[in-house]
Amino acid sequence: MTDNQNLLAEQRRALILDEVRRRGGVRVNELTRRLSVSDMTIRRDLDALARQGVLAKVHGGAVPVVEASTHEPGFEAKSVLEPSAKDEIARAAAALVTPGTALALSGGTTTYALARHLLDVPDLTVVTNSVRVADVFHEAGRAGEARRGAATVVLTGGVRTPSDALVGPVADRAIRSLHFDLLFLGVHGVSVEAGLSTPNLAEAETNTCLMRSARRVVVVADHTKWGTVGLSSFAALDEVDTWVTDRGLSEGVRAEVAEHVPGLVVAGEERT
């Protein structure tokens, strides 16, 4: 980390969290020196991150929270994590969509952000198993009434998860009968060993159905998902066509991902 007195609180906290995860813990006095802010500011940052449940405060510093592989945070809890990164990822992912595309959006807070960026792309057919994503298009339709070129949205049935995704046999049966040009997939965790994973067994099966019905699979996930492993793996990294992520993903990890994923898009950076 580099010293920067002008970091916004959100940026500063993202740096702190990244350091905690990378090193396995940090001390308050180290952070004050590296970020050139007061002891009180760092303690407020640690308090905020602890309230989000992403780290645990200890005497003089903080350590990572080790979650069980079956733990599935709710939608609201995940919404407060990396909001700027998710919006950047959503904007970059939306640029991959052309008018008239048939696409699918899985459940997740990043796909929810993406849905908002797709509202102005005309003549889309959107299939989703996310109640939140469907609501984005529904509310836009109500506000603008019958906009010409507005998306046609299909919401699968199914059993609702804590992250407001619909999963299970009903969702799977609906998805298997469809074919998408493009799938945008939110994930709980990404790693070379475990591939794409989720804490929810039923969601793993539904995500598998989504991938099999898509011609192209695009994972939308910020850098904090790297190295996280949920209870159930549902795809290898090699099955992903593109990963859209944020600038927090280190150069070393990018090189590792590039060995398995043909396309890596880092939001906010020019593509080469």
Foldseek 3Di string as FASTA:
>chain_A
DAADQPDDLLRLLVVQLVCQVVVQWDFLVVSCVRHVDDSVSSVVSVVVCVVLVQWADDVRTIGGDDDALLDDAAQVSCCVPPVVFLLLLLLVVLVVDAAQFEEEEEFDNSSLSNLLVNQPHFNYEYEYQAPSSVVNLVVVCVVVPNDHRGYHYHHFAADQDSHRGHFDDRLLVVLLVAAGAEYEYEAQAAEQVQGTAHSDPRVLSNVLSNLVRYPAYEYEDEQVRYPRHHPDRNDHLLSHAEYEYEPVHDPVVVVVSVVRHVYYHYRPDDDD
